[in-house]
Amino acid sequence: MIQESHIESTLKEMFANLKFTAEPAGLYDPLRYMIEIGGKRIRPRLCLTAYALFKEEFTEEILSPAAALEVFHSFTLIHDDIMDKADVRRGVPTVYRKWDENTAILSGDVMSIESYRMIAKAPAKTVPAVLELFSTTAAQVCEGQQYDMDFEDLVQVPMDDYLKMIGLKTAVLIACSAKMGALIAGASDNEADLLYKFGYDLGLAFQIADDWLDTYGDPKVFGKAIGGDIVNNKKSWLLTRALEKAGTGALEEAMAMPVGTDEEKEAKIEAVKKIYDSLQVGEEALQEIQRFHRQALGYAEQLNLGKLRYEMLHRYADMLLGRRK
């Protein structure tokens, strides 16, 4: 069985050696910038982990598709930051802030195209299934982003709709990463589907944890400014649950506070956070993260691949939610 230390070293080497076209620099420099600022590489890491459950060594057949998942994810971040008007990503200026919006849009587009080029390097016999999985997932991510934007114009959103939105926006790409690794490794349909469900529930837990961190996290650890969801009236798990428990009233008034200056933003964040604290929605979010974490591990157990392989998936799940589980 491939060891986790080898997965780690393979990830480092993979992205250290990842090259993009040199010219025009104005188009491709943002791609290099996004890859260089890093992150935990959770999607390619899961793809390699799923592959490692069934194979004894890494070959080129998995490396390019695994890297493609990070490239595609980085494309979504470039465009998300424009839509969210985010100034910081992973502790550094976002692409549209470092360059400009037009550059960010075009560089994001070519990053998406590059991810398909890399996916197509999967083994020939798996390319149809892998491309179908990836294309479906890519469309779902865009659907989730649209729902996310639509929700900003609504005062209240049912929790089921929120969970559907984060399932599309976040969880499906993590689930796709797990299933893709399994498909390329030659796993059975049942094994690939169980790994998809494992990744999906972990993705839900991961996004709820991200929502929690946006309000309660340390910006130095989180990698971006705290309170962005509150400033933009984004329907996070916290806001959705708070509206379920308390309705509008004071919460709607707080959401309507101006955010034209840094002082006004801080005042709004503090007002909404005070309401969250009174309703204990932060504690409830942590409980929900634990619930989806347990469900994901239940799917891992159903794989029946033995203790060592289950423990590897368990450690991945714990790593993914290590910021707050």
C-alpha atoms as a PDB file:
ATOM      1  CA  MET A   1       0.000   0.000   0.000  1.00  0.00           C
ATOM      2  CA  ILE A   2       1.229   3.494  -0.833  1.00  0.00           C
ATOM      3  CA  GLN A   3       2.183   5.330   2.357  1.00  0.00           C
ATOM      4  CA  GLU A   4       0.876   8.786   3.274  1.00  0.00           C
ATOM      5  CA  SER A   5       4.444  10.104   3.382  1.00  0.00           C
ATOM      6  CA  HIS A   6       4.721   9.172  -0.292  1.00  0.00           C
ATOM      7  CA  ILE A   7       1.432  10.943  -1.042  1.00  0.00           C
ATOM      8  CA  GLU A   8       2.843  14.050   0.623  1.00  0.00           C
ATOM      9  CA  SER A   9       6.132  13.972  -1.271  1.00  0.00           C
ATOM     10  CA  THR A  10       4.309  13.269  -4.540  1.00  0.00           C
ATOM     11  CA  LEU A  11       2.063  16.306  -4.021  1.00  0.00           C
ATOM     12  CA  LYS A  12       5.054  18.556  -3.383  1.00  0.00           C
ATOM     13  CA  GLU A  13       6.879  17.316  -6.443  1.00  0.00           C
ATOM     14  CA  MET A  14       3.733  17.476  -8.595  1.00  0.00           C
ATOM     15  CA  PHE A  15       3.122  21.164  -7.972  1.00  0.00           C
ATOM     16  CA  ALA A  16       6.780  22.131  -7.900  1.00  0.00           C
ATOM     17  CA  ASN A  17       7.054  20.762 -11.444  1.00  0.00           C
ATOM     18  CA  LEU A  18       3.699  22.060 -12.731  1.00  0.00           C
ATOM     19  CA  LYS A  19       4.346  24.360 -15.674  1.00  0.00           C
ATOM     20  CA  PHE A  20       2.099  26.714 -17.629  1.00  0.00           C
ATOM     21  CA  THR A  21       2.672  28.451 -20.951  1.00  0.00           C
ATOM     22  CA  ALA A  22       5.121  31.335 -20.577  1.00  0.00           C
ATOM     23  CA  GLU A  23       3.530  33.942 -22.850  1.00  0.00           C
ATOM     24  CA  PRO A  24       1.594  36.119 -22.737  1.00  0.00           C
ATOM     25  CA  ALA A  25       2.764  36.637 -19.175  1.00  0.00           C
ATOM     26  CA  GLY A  26      -0.290  38.776 -18.384  1.00  0.00           C
ATOM     27  CA  LEU A  27      -2.499  35.747 -18.980  1.00  0.00           C
ATOM     28  CA  TYR A  28      -0.413  32.987 -17.392  1.00  0.00           C
ATOM     29  CA  ASP A  29       1.306  34.731 -14.477  1.00  0.00           C
ATOM     30  CA  PRO A  30      -1.921  34.665 -12.403  1.00  0.00           C
ATOM     31  CA  LEU A  31      -2.072  30.884 -12.894  1.00  0.00           C
ATOM     32  CA  ARG A  32       1.443  30.492 -11.551  1.00  0.00           C
ATOM     33  CA  TYR A  33       0.579  32.866  -8.713  1.00  0.00           C
ATOM     34  CA  MET A  34      -2.464  30.831  -7.664  1.00  0.00           C
ATOM     35  CA  ILE A  35      -0.538  27.551  -7.655  1.00  0.00           C
ATOM     36  CA  GLU A  36       2.448  29.046  -5.829  1.00  0.00           C
ATOM     37  CA  ILE A  37       0.367  30.466  -2.962  1.00  0.00           C
ATOM     38  CA  GLY A  38      -0.618  26.885  -2.279  1.00  0.00           C
ATOM     39  CA  GLY A  39      -3.128  25.615   0.207  1.00  0.00           C
ATOM     40  CA  LYS A  40      -3.543  22.111   1.558  1.00  0.00           C
ATOM     41  CA  ARG A  41      -4.170  20.613  -1.898  1.00  0.00           C
ATOM     42  CA  ILE A  42      -7.092  18.726  -0.373  1.00  0.00           C
ATOM     43  CA  ARG A  43      -8.620  17.674  -3.690  1.00  0.00           C
ATOM     44  CA  PRO A  44      -5.524  16.201  -5.369  1.00  0.00           C
ATOM     45  CA  ARG A  45      -4.551  14.742  -1.995  1.00  0.00           C
ATOM     46  CA  LEU A  46      -7.872  12.899  -1.779  1.00  0.00           C
ATOM     47  CA  CYS A  47      -7.569  11.759  -5.398  1.00  0.00           C
ATOM     48  CA  LEU A  48      -4.137  10.273  -4.689  1.00  0.00           C
ATOM     49  CA  THR A  49      -5.367   8.793  -1.401  1.00  0.00           C
ATOM     50  CA  ALA A  50      -8.285   7.046  -3.111  1.00  0.00           C
ATOM     51  CA  TYR A  51      -5.940   5.752  -5.810  1.00  0.00           C
ATOM     52  CA  ALA A  52      -3.534   4.505  -3.131  1.00  0.00           C
ATOM     53  CA  LEU A  53      -6.262   2.299  -1.642  1.00  0.00           C
ATOM     54  CA  PHE A  54      -6.085   0.074  -4.729  1.00  0.00           C
ATOM     55  CA  LYS A  55      -2.571   0.515  -6.160  1.00  0.00           C
ATOM     56  CA  GLU A  56       0.983  -0.046  -4.953  1.00  0.00           C
ATOM     57  CA  GLU A  57       2.665   2.889  -6.716  1.00  0.00           C
ATOM     58  CA  PHE A  58       1.902   6.186  -8.433  1.00  0.00           C
ATOM     59  CA  THR A  59       2.332   6.449 -12.169  1.00  0.00           C
ATOM     60  CA  GLU A  60       1.717   9.232 -14.676  1.00  0.00           C
ATOM     61  CA  GLU A  61      -1.830   7.923 -15.184  1.00  0.00           C
ATOM     62  CA  ILE A  62      -2.974   9.529 -11.914  1.00  0.00           C
ATOM     63  CA  LEU A  63      -0.631  12.519 -11.483  1.00  0.00           C
ATOM     64  CA  SER A  64      -1.987  14.786 -14.222  1.00  0.00           C
ATOM     65  CA  PRO A  65      -5.708  14.224 -13.392  1.00  0.00           C
ATOM     66  CA  ALA A  66      -5.003  14.750  -9.682  1.00  0.00           C
ATOM     67  CA  ALA A  67      -3.215  18.037 -10.394  1.00  0.00           C
ATOM     68  CA  ALA A  68      -6.104  19.075 -12.659  1.00  0.00           C
ATOM     69  CA  LEU A  69      -8.434  19.085  -9.672  1.00  0.00           C
ATOM     70  CA  GLU A  70      -6.333  21.767  -7.973  1.00  0.00           C
ATOM     71  CA  VAL A  71      -6.052  23.768 -11.173  1.00  0.00           C
ATOM     72  CA  PHE A  72      -9.833  23.719 -11.613  1.00  0.00           C
ATOM     73  CA  HIS A  73     -10.386  24.623  -7.961  1.00  0.00           C
ATOM     74  CA  SER A  74      -7.980  27.544  -8.328  1.00  0.00           C
ATOM     75  CA  PHE A  75      -9.977  28.761 -11.328  1.00  0.00           C
ATOM     76  CA  THR A  76     -13.139  28.811  -9.218  1.00  0.00           C
ATOM     77  CA  LEU A  77     -11.345  30.783  -6.502  1.00  0.00           C
ATOM     78  CA  ILE A  78     -10.172  33.438  -8.956  1.00  0.00           C
ATOM     79  CA  HIS A  79     -13.737  34.023 -10.118  1.00  0.00           C
ATOM     80  CA  ASP A  80     -15.283  33.653  -6.640  1.00  0.00           C
ATOM     81  CA  ASP A  81     -13.010  36.388  -5.309  1.00  0.00           C
ATOM     82  CA  ILE A  82     -14.226  38.770  -8.011  1.00  0.00           C
ATOM     83  CA  MET A  83     -17.868  38.026  -7.203  1.00  0.00           C
ATOM     84  CA  ASP A  84     -17.278  38.245  -3.447  1.00  0.00           C
ATOM     85  CA  LYS A  85     -15.097  41.376  -3.774  1.00  0.00           C
ATOM     86  CA  ALA A  86     -12.519  39.566  -1.617  1.00  0.00           C
ATOM     87  CA  ASP A  87      -9.222  41.349  -1.085  1.00  0.00           C
ATOM     88  CA  VAL A  88      -7.211  38.490   0.423  1.00  0.00           C
ATOM     89  CA  ARG A  89      -6.832  34.806  -0.426  1.00  0.00           C
ATOM     90  CA  ARG A  90      -4.504  32.559   1.587  1.00  0.00           C
ATOM     91  CA  GLY A  91      -2.996  35.604   3.223  1.00  0.00           C
ATOM     92  CA  VAL A  92      -2.043  37.423  -0.003  1.00  0.00           C
ATOM     93  CA  PRO A  93      -3.877  39.735  -2.430  1.00  0.00           C
ATOM     94  CA  THR A  94      -6.467  38.051  -4.632  1.00  0.00           C
ATOM     95  CA  VAL A  95      -5.743  37.880  -8.363  1.00  0.00           C
ATOM     96  CA  TYR A  96      -8.192  40.608  -9.287  1.00  0.00           C
ATOM     97  CA  ARG A  97      -6.657  42.888  -6.653  1.00  0.00           C
ATOM     98  CA  LYS A  98      -3.063  42.133  -7.664  1.00  0.00           C
ATOM     99  CA  TRP A  99      -3.858  42.567 -11.374  1.00  0.00           C
ATOM    100  CA  ASP A 100      -7.402  43.656 -12.331  1.00  0.00           C
ATOM    101  CA  GLU A 101     -10.840  42.146 -12.934  1.00  0.00           C
ATOM    102  CA  ASN A 102     -10.434  41.610 -16.673  1.00  0.00           C
ATOM    103  CA  THR A 103      -7.134  39.795 -16.192  1.00  0.00           C
ATOM    104  CA  ALA A 104      -8.642  37.659 -13.433  1.00  0.00           C
ATOM    105  CA  ILE A 105     -11.621  36.672 -15.581  1.00  0.00           C
ATOM    106  CA  LEU A 106      -9.500  35.706 -18.575  1.00  0.00           C
ATOM    107  CA  SER A 107      -6.837  33.925 -16.526  1.00  0.00           C
ATOM    108  CA  GLY A 108      -9.564  32.007 -14.708  1.00  0.00           C
ATOM    109  CA  ASP A 109     -11.017  30.940 -18.050  1.00  0.00           C
ATOM    110  CA  VAL A 110      -7.705  29.590 -19.326  1.00  0.00           C
ATOM    111  CA  MET A 111      -7.120  27.850 -15.989  1.00  0.00           C
ATOM    112  CA  SER A 112     -10.410  25.987 -16.466  1.00  0.00           C
ATOM    113  CA  ILE A 113      -9.370  24.972 -19.972  1.00  0.00           C
ATOM    114  CA  GLU A 114      -5.988  23.794 -18.676  1.00  0.00           C
ATOM    115  CA  SER A 115      -7.711  21.526 -16.142  1.00  0.00           C
ATOM    116  CA  TYR A 116      -9.544  19.696 -18.961  1.00  0.00           C
ATOM    117  CA  ARG A 117      -6.293  19.274 -20.872  1.00  0.00           C
ATOM    118  CA  MET A 118      -4.790  17.615 -17.799  1.00  0.00           C
ATOM    119  CA  ILE A 119      -7.839  15.429 -17.073  1.00  0.00           C
ATOM    120  CA  ALA A 120      -7.656  14.053 -20.614  1.00  0.00           C
ATOM    121  CA  LYS A 121      -4.269  12.474 -19.753  1.00  0.00           C
ATOM    122  CA  ALA A 122      -6.021   9.801 -17.675  1.00  0.00           C
ATOM    123  CA  PRO A 123      -5.658   6.223 -18.982  1.00  0.00           C
ATOM    124  CA  ALA A 124      -7.519   5.876 -22.294  1.00  0.00           C
ATOM    125  CA  LYS A 125      -9.942   3.252 -20.972  1.00  0.00           C
ATOM    126  CA  THR A 126     -10.996   5.516 -18.091  1.00  0.00           C
ATOM    127  CA  VAL A 127     -11.151   8.825 -19.988  1.00  0.00           C
ATOM    128  CA  PRO A 128     -14.875   8.634 -20.898  1.00  0.00           C
ATOM    129  CA  ALA A 129     -15.960   7.955 -17.300  1.00  0.00           C
ATOM    130  CA  VAL A 130     -13.488  10.428 -15.805  1.00  0.00           C
ATOM    131  CA  LEU A 131     -14.398  13.229 -18.224  1.00  0.00           C
ATOM    132  CA  GLU A 132     -18.105  12.629 -17.655  1.00  0.00           C
ATOM    133  CA  LEU A 133     -17.598  12.781 -13.887  1.00  0.00           C
ATOM    134  CA  PHE A 134     -15.443  15.895 -14.113  1.00  0.00           C
ATOM    135  CA  SER A 135     -17.699  17.737 -16.585  1.00  0.00           C
ATOM    136  CA  THR A 136     -20.804  17.016 -14.516  1.00  0.00           C
ATOM    137  CA  THR A 137     -18.980  18.211 -11.406  1.00  0.00           C
ATOM    138  CA  ALA A 138     -17.712  21.389 -13.077  1.00  0.00           C
ATOM    139  CA  ALA A 139     -21.247  22.336 -14.103  1.00  0.00           C
ATOM    140  CA  GLN A 140     -22.545  21.570 -10.616  1.00  0.00           C
ATOM    141  CA  VAL A 141     -19.929  23.853  -9.045  1.00  0.00           C
ATOM    142  CA  CYS A 142     -21.170  26.702 -11.245  1.00  0.00           C
ATOM    143  CA  GLU A 143     -24.773  25.880 -10.313  1.00  0.00           C
ATOM    144  CA  GLY A 144     -23.840  26.051  -6.658  1.00  0.00           C
ATOM    145  CA  GLN A 145     -22.182  29.431  -7.121  1.00  0.00           C
ATOM    146  CA  GLN A 146     -25.310  30.745  -8.835  1.00  0.00           C
ATOM    147  CA  TYR A 147     -27.522  29.550  -5.980  1.00  0.00           C
ATOM    148  CA  ASP A 148     -25.096  31.192  -3.559  1.00  0.00           C
ATOM    149  CA  MET A 149     -25.470  34.509  -5.381  1.00  0.00           C
ATOM    150  CA  ASP A 150     -29.246  34.124  -5.685  1.00  0.00           C
ATOM    151  CA  PHE A 151     -29.509  33.572  -1.939  1.00  0.00           C
ATOM    152  CA  GLU A 152     -27.871  36.950  -1.253  1.00  0.00           C
ATOM    153  CA  ASP A 153     -31.073  38.632  -2.504  1.00  0.00           C
ATOM    154  CA  LEU A 154     -33.324  36.596  -0.188  1.00  0.00           C
ATOM    155  CA  VAL A 155     -33.937  37.446   3.434  1.00  0.00           C
ATOM    156  CA  GLN A 156     -34.309  33.811   4.455  1.00  0.00           C
ATOM    157  CA  VAL A 157     -33.357  30.463   2.909  1.00  0.00           C
ATOM    158  CA  PRO A 158     -34.491  27.009   4.122  1.00  0.00           C
ATOM    159  CA  MET A 159     -31.682  24.881   5.533  1.00  0.00           C
ATOM    160  CA  ASP A 160     -32.345  22.171   2.935  1.00  0.00           C
ATOM    161  CA  ASP A 161     -31.722  24.719   0.184  1.00  0.00           C
ATOM    162  CA  TYR A 162     -28.532  25.868   1.875  1.00  0.00           C
ATOM    163  CA  LEU A 163     -27.264  22.282   2.103  1.00  0.00           C
ATOM    164  CA  LYS A 164     -28.100  21.726  -1.557  1.00  0.00           C
ATOM    165  CA  MET A 165     -26.153  24.858  -2.459  1.00  0.00           C
ATOM    166  CA  ILE A 166     -22.981  23.904  -0.564  1.00  0.00           C
ATOM    167  CA  GLY A 167     -23.328  20.357  -1.863  1.00  0.00           C
ATOM    168  CA  LEU A 168     -23.016  21.741  -5.384  1.00  0.00           C
ATOM    169  CA  LYS A 169     -20.555  24.537  -4.699  1.00  0.00           C
ATOM    170  CA  THR A 170     -18.112  22.645  -2.476  1.00  0.00           C
ATOM    171  CA  ALA A 171     -18.910  19.003  -1.753  1.00  0.00           C
ATOM    172  CA  VAL A 172     -19.218  17.654  -5.306  1.00  0.00           C
ATOM    173  CA  LEU A 173     -15.631  18.576  -6.248  1.00  0.00           C
ATOM    174  CA  ILE A 174     -14.250  16.866  -3.147  1.00  0.00           C
ATOM    175  CA  ALA A 175     -16.465  13.854  -3.886  1.00  0.00           C
ATOM    176  CA  CYS A 176     -15.321  13.896  -7.516  1.00  0.00           C
ATOM    177  CA  SER A 177     -11.700  13.851  -6.359  1.00  0.00           C
ATOM    178  CA  ALA A 178     -12.226  10.662  -4.373  1.00  0.00           C
ATOM    179  CA  LYS A 179     -14.184   8.901  -7.106  1.00  0.00           C
ATOM    180  CA  MET A 180     -11.746   9.935  -9.831  1.00  0.00           C
ATOM    181  CA  GLY A 181      -8.825   8.375  -7.972  1.00  0.00           C
ATOM    182  CA  ALA A 182     -10.823   5.181  -7.538  1.00  0.00           C
ATOM    183  CA  LEU A 183     -11.913   5.030 -11.186  1.00  0.00           C
ATOM    184  CA  ILE A 184      -8.382   5.506 -12.509  1.00  0.00           C
ATOM    185  CA  ALA A 185      -7.130   2.843 -10.084  1.00  0.00           C
ATOM    186  CA  GLY A 186      -9.676   0.340 -11.415  1.00  0.00           C
ATOM    187  CA  ALA A 187     -11.940   0.151  -8.349  1.00  0.00           C
ATOM    188  CA  SER A 188     -15.392  -1.396  -8.649  1.00  0.00           C
ATOM    189  CA  ASP A 189     -18.419   0.807  -9.266  1.00  0.00           C
ATOM    190  CA  ASN A 190     -19.587   0.220  -5.693  1.00  0.00           C
ATOM    191  CA  GLU A 191     -16.200   1.186  -4.254  1.00  0.00           C
ATOM    192  CA  ALA A 192     -16.051   4.310  -6.409  1.00  0.00           C
ATOM    193  CA  ASP A 193     -19.579   5.299  -5.353  1.00  0.00           C
ATOM    194  CA  LEU A 194     -18.815   4.786  -1.656  1.00  0.00           C
ATOM    195  CA  LEU A 195     -15.739   6.978  -1.977  1.00  0.00           C
ATOM    196  CA  TYR A 196     -17.870   9.622  -3.708  1.00  0.00           C
ATOM    197  CA  LYS A 197     -20.296   9.590  -0.761  1.00  0.00           C
ATOM    198  CA  PHE A 198     -17.356   9.734   1.655  1.00  0.00           C
ATOM    199  CA  GLY A 199     -16.026  12.809  -0.123  1.00  0.00           C
ATOM    200  CA  TYR A 200     -19.434  14.445  -0.409  1.00  0.00           C
ATOM    201  CA  ASP A 201     -20.223  14.321   3.304  1.00  0.00           C
ATOM    202  CA  LEU A 202     -16.709  15.477   4.120  1.00  0.00           C
ATOM    203  CA  GLY A 203     -17.262  18.342   1.707  1.00  0.00           C
ATOM    204  CA  LEU A 204     -20.426  19.391   3.538  1.00  0.00           C
ATOM    205  CA  ALA A 205     -18.571  19.275   6.855  1.00  0.00           C
ATOM    206  CA  PHE A 206     -15.681  21.236   5.330  1.00  0.00           C
ATOM    207  CA  GLN A 207     -17.943  24.030   4.038  1.00  0.00           C
ATOM    208  CA  ILE A 208     -19.820  24.362   7.329  1.00  0.00           C
ATOM    209  CA  ALA A 209     -16.433  24.537   9.059  1.00  0.00           C
ATOM    210  CA  ASP A 210     -15.437  27.255   6.577  1.00  0.00           C
ATOM    211  CA  ASP A 211     -18.618  29.168   7.445  1.00  0.00           C
ATOM    212  CA  TRP A 212     -17.821  28.830  11.145  1.00  0.00           C
ATOM    213  CA  LEU A 213     -14.266  30.025  10.614  1.00  0.00           C
ATOM    214  CA  ASP A 214     -15.442  33.054   8.659  1.00  0.00           C
ATOM    215  CA  THR A 215     -17.058  34.317  11.855  1.00  0.00           C
ATOM    216  CA  TYR A 216     -15.084  32.690  14.660  1.00  0.00           C
ATOM    217  CA  GLY A 217     -11.704  31.853  13.121  1.00  0.00           C
ATOM    218  CA  ASP A 218      -8.272  33.431  13.444  1.00  0.00           C
ATOM    219  CA  PRO A 219      -7.524  35.384  10.233  1.00  0.00           C
ATOM    220  CA  LYS A 220      -3.855  34.339  10.437  1.00  0.00           C
ATOM    221  CA  VAL A 221      -4.915  30.678  10.336  1.00  0.00           C
ATOM    222  CA  PHE A 222      -7.956  31.148   8.092  1.00  0.00           C
ATOM    223  CA  GLY A 223      -5.928  32.943   5.412  1.00  0.00           C
ATOM    224  CA  LYS A 224      -8.474  35.661   4.725  1.00  0.00           C
ATOM    225  CA  ALA A 225     -10.330  38.401   6.545  1.00  0.00           C
ATOM    226  CA  ILE A 226     -12.899  37.368   9.138  1.00  0.00           C
ATOM    227  CA  GLY A 227     -16.530  38.387   8.648  1.00  0.00           C
ATOM    228  CA  GLY A 228     -16.684  38.476   4.860  1.00  0.00           C
ATOM    229  CA  ASP A 229     -19.853  36.375   4.804  1.00  0.00           C
ATOM    230  CA  ILE A 230     -21.552  38.758   7.229  1.00  0.00           C
ATOM    231  CA  VAL A 231     -20.494  41.860   5.291  1.00  0.00           C
ATOM    232  CA  ASN A 232     -21.871  40.387   2.048  1.00  0.00           C
ATOM    233  CA  ASN A 233     -25.046  38.928   3.623  1.00  0.00           C
ATOM    234  CA  LYS A 234     -24.024  35.496   2.379  1.00  0.00           C
ATOM    235  CA  LYS A 235     -26.297  32.693   3.496  1.00  0.00           C
ATOM    236  CA  SER A 236     -23.796  30.796   5.596  1.00  0.00           C
ATOM    237  CA  TRP A 237     -24.827  27.883   7.799  1.00  0.00           C
ATOM    238  CA  LEU A 238     -24.723  30.262  10.765  1.00  0.00           C
ATOM    239  CA  LEU A 239     -27.033  32.844   9.211  1.00  0.00           C
ATOM    240  CA  THR A 240     -29.399  30.208   7.856  1.00  0.00           C
ATOM    241  CA  ARG A 241     -29.708  28.577  11.259  1.00  0.00           C
ATOM    242  CA  ALA A 242     -30.025  31.910  13.073  1.00  0.00           C
ATOM    243  CA  LEU A 243     -32.907  32.937  10.820  1.00  0.00           C
ATOM    244  CA  GLU A 244     -34.565  29.555  11.439  1.00  0.00           C
ATOM    245  CA  LYS A 245     -34.358  30.073  15.187  1.00  0.00           C
ATOM    246  CA  ALA A 246     -35.099  33.780  15.532  1.00  0.00           C
ATOM    247  CA  GLY A 247     -36.730  34.902  12.301  1.00  0.00           C
ATOM    248  CA  THR A 248     -35.850  38.317  10.936  1.00  0.00           C
ATOM    249  CA  GLY A 249     -36.372  41.281  13.290  1.00  0.00           C
ATOM    250  CA  ALA A 250     -33.112  42.319  14.929  1.00  0.00           C
ATOM    251  CA  LEU A 251     -31.084  40.048  12.664  1.00  0.00           C
ATOM    252  CA  GLU A 252     -32.539  41.608   9.524  1.00  0.00           C
ATOM    253  CA  GLU A 253     -31.770  45.055  10.924  1.00  0.00           C
ATOM    254  CA  ALA A 254     -28.162  44.033  11.571  1.00  0.00           C
ATOM    255  CA  MET A 255     -27.850  42.590   8.060  1.00  0.00           C
ATOM    256  CA  ALA A 256     -29.044  45.932   6.634  1.00  0.00           C
ATOM    257  CA  MET A 257     -26.285  47.915   8.351  1.00  0.00           C
ATOM    258  CA  PRO A 258     -24.044  49.920   5.978  1.00  0.00           C
ATOM    259  CA  VAL A 259     -20.605  48.620   5.027  1.00  0.00           C
ATOM    260  CA  GLY A 260     -19.154  51.578   3.143  1.00  0.00           C
ATOM    261  CA  THR A 261     -16.152  51.974   5.451  1.00  0.00           C
ATOM    262  CA  ASP A 262     -13.948  49.617   7.449  1.00  0.00           C
ATOM    263  CA  GLU A 263     -15.518  50.932  10.646  1.00  0.00           C
ATOM    264  CA  GLU A 264     -19.024  50.208   9.358  1.00  0.00           C
ATOM    265  CA  LYS A 265     -17.974  46.702   8.319  1.00  0.00           C
ATOM    266  CA  GLU A 266     -16.586  46.006  11.785  1.00  0.00           C
ATOM    267  CA  ALA A 267     -19.760  47.311  13.416  1.00  0.00           C
ATOM    268  CA  LYS A 268     -21.939  45.065  11.273  1.00  0.00           C
ATOM    269  CA  ILE A 269     -19.784  42.004  11.922  1.00  0.00           C
ATOM    270  CA  GLU A 270     -19.906  42.646  15.665  1.00  0.00           C
ATOM    271  CA  ALA A 271     -23.695  43.156  15.674  1.00  0.00           C
ATOM    272  CA  VAL A 272     -24.434  39.961  13.742  1.00  0.00           C
ATOM    273  CA  LYS A 273     -21.902  37.937  15.722  1.00  0.00           C
ATOM    274  CA  LYS A 274     -23.549  39.075  18.969  1.00  0.00           C
ATOM    275  CA  ILE A 275     -26.866  37.685  17.719  1.00  0.00           C
ATOM    276  CA  TYR A 276     -25.192  34.422  16.689  1.00  0.00           C
ATOM    277  CA  ASP A 277     -23.710  34.115  20.169  1.00  0.00           C
ATOM    278  CA  SER A 278     -27.073  34.649  21.821  1.00  0.00           C
ATOM    279  CA  LEU A 279     -28.634  31.937  19.670  1.00  0.00           C
ATOM    280  CA  GLN A 280     -25.658  29.549  20.104  1.00  0.00           C
ATOM    281  CA  VAL A 281     -25.554  28.833  16.383  1.00  0.00           C
ATOM    282  CA  GLY A 282     -21.748  28.602  16.490  1.00  0.00           C
ATOM    283  CA  GLU A 283     -21.982  25.596  18.825  1.00  0.00           C
ATOM    284  CA  GLU A 284     -24.684  24.033  16.646  1.00  0.00           C
ATOM    285  CA  ALA A 285     -22.485  24.417  13.572  1.00  0.00           C
ATOM    286  CA  LEU A 286     -19.712  22.472  15.290  1.00  0.00           C
ATOM    287  CA  GLN A 287     -22.185  19.678  16.075  1.00  0.00           C
ATOM    288  CA  GLU A 288     -23.276  19.579  12.427  1.00  0.00           C
ATOM    289  CA  ILE A 289     -19.646  19.318  11.304  1.00  0.00           C
ATOM    290  CA  GLN A 290     -19.219  16.298  13.584  1.00  0.00           C
ATOM    291  CA  ARG A 291     -22.393  14.689  12.206  1.00  0.00           C
ATOM    292  CA  PHE A 292     -21.245  14.836   8.594  1.00  0.00           C
ATOM    293  CA  HIS A 293     -17.763  13.706   9.629  1.00  0.00           C
ATOM    294  CA  ARG A 294     -19.276  10.568  11.210  1.00  0.00           C
ATOM    295  CA  GLN A 295     -21.428   9.891   8.159  1.00  0.00           C
ATOM    296  CA  ALA A 296     -18.401  10.124   5.875  1.00  0.00           C
ATOM    297  CA  LEU A 297     -16.471   7.616   7.968  1.00  0.00           C
ATOM    298  CA  GLY A 298     -19.469   5.295   7.832  1.00  0.00           C
ATOM    299  CA  TYR A 299     -19.058   5.117   4.055  1.00  0.00           C
ATOM    300  CA  ALA A 300     -15.336   4.486   4.499  1.00  0.00           C
ATOM    301  CA  GLU A 301     -16.131   1.522   6.758  1.00  0.00           C
ATOM    302  CA  GLN A 302     -18.463   0.042   4.120  1.00  0.00           C
ATOM    303  CA  LEU A 303     -15.536  -0.217   1.703  1.00  0.00           C
ATOM    304  CA  ASN A 304     -14.214  -3.160   3.739  1.00  0.00           C
ATOM    305  CA  LEU A 305     -10.655  -2.566   2.561  1.00  0.00           C
ATOM    306  CA  GLY A 306      -9.074  -3.417   5.881  1.00  0.00           C
ATOM    307  CA  LYS A 307      -7.956  -1.514   8.938  1.00  0.00           C
ATOM    308  CA  LEU A 308      -4.900   0.201   7.457  1.00  0.00           C
ATOM    309  CA  ARG A 309      -6.802   1.631   4.487  1.00  0.00           C
ATOM    310  CA  TYR A 310      -9.735   2.728   6.653  1.00  0.00           C
ATOM    311  CA  GLU A 311      -7.335   4.489   9.014  1.00  0.00           C
ATOM    312  CA  MET A 312      -5.766   6.309   6.082  1.00  0.00           C
ATOM    313  CA  LEU A 313      -9.194   7.665   5.088  1.00  0.00           C
ATOM    314  CA  HIS A 314      -9.898   8.517   8.729  1.00  0.00           C
ATOM    315  CA  ARG A 315      -6.680  10.528   8.957  1.00  0.00           C
ATOM    316  CA  TYR A 316      -7.543  12.338   5.744  1.00  0.00           C
ATOM    317  CA  ALA A 317     -10.955  13.278   7.169  1.00  0.00           C
ATOM    318  CA  ASP A 318      -9.365  14.541  10.370  1.00  0.00           C
ATOM    319  CA  MET A 319      -6.777  16.526   8.412  1.00  0.00           C
ATOM    320  CA  LEU A 320      -9.458  18.118   6.250  1.00  0.00           C
ATOM    321  CA  LEU A 321     -11.409  19.322   9.263  1.00  0.00           C
ATOM    322  CA  GLY A 322      -8.392  19.959  11.439  1.00  0.00           C
ATOM    323  CA  ARG A 323      -8.946  23.719  11.465  1.00  0.00           C
ATOM    324  CA  ARG A 324     -12.230  23.119  13.305  1.00  0.00           C
ATOM    325  CA  LYS A 325     -14.024  19.801  13.758  1.00  0.00           C
END
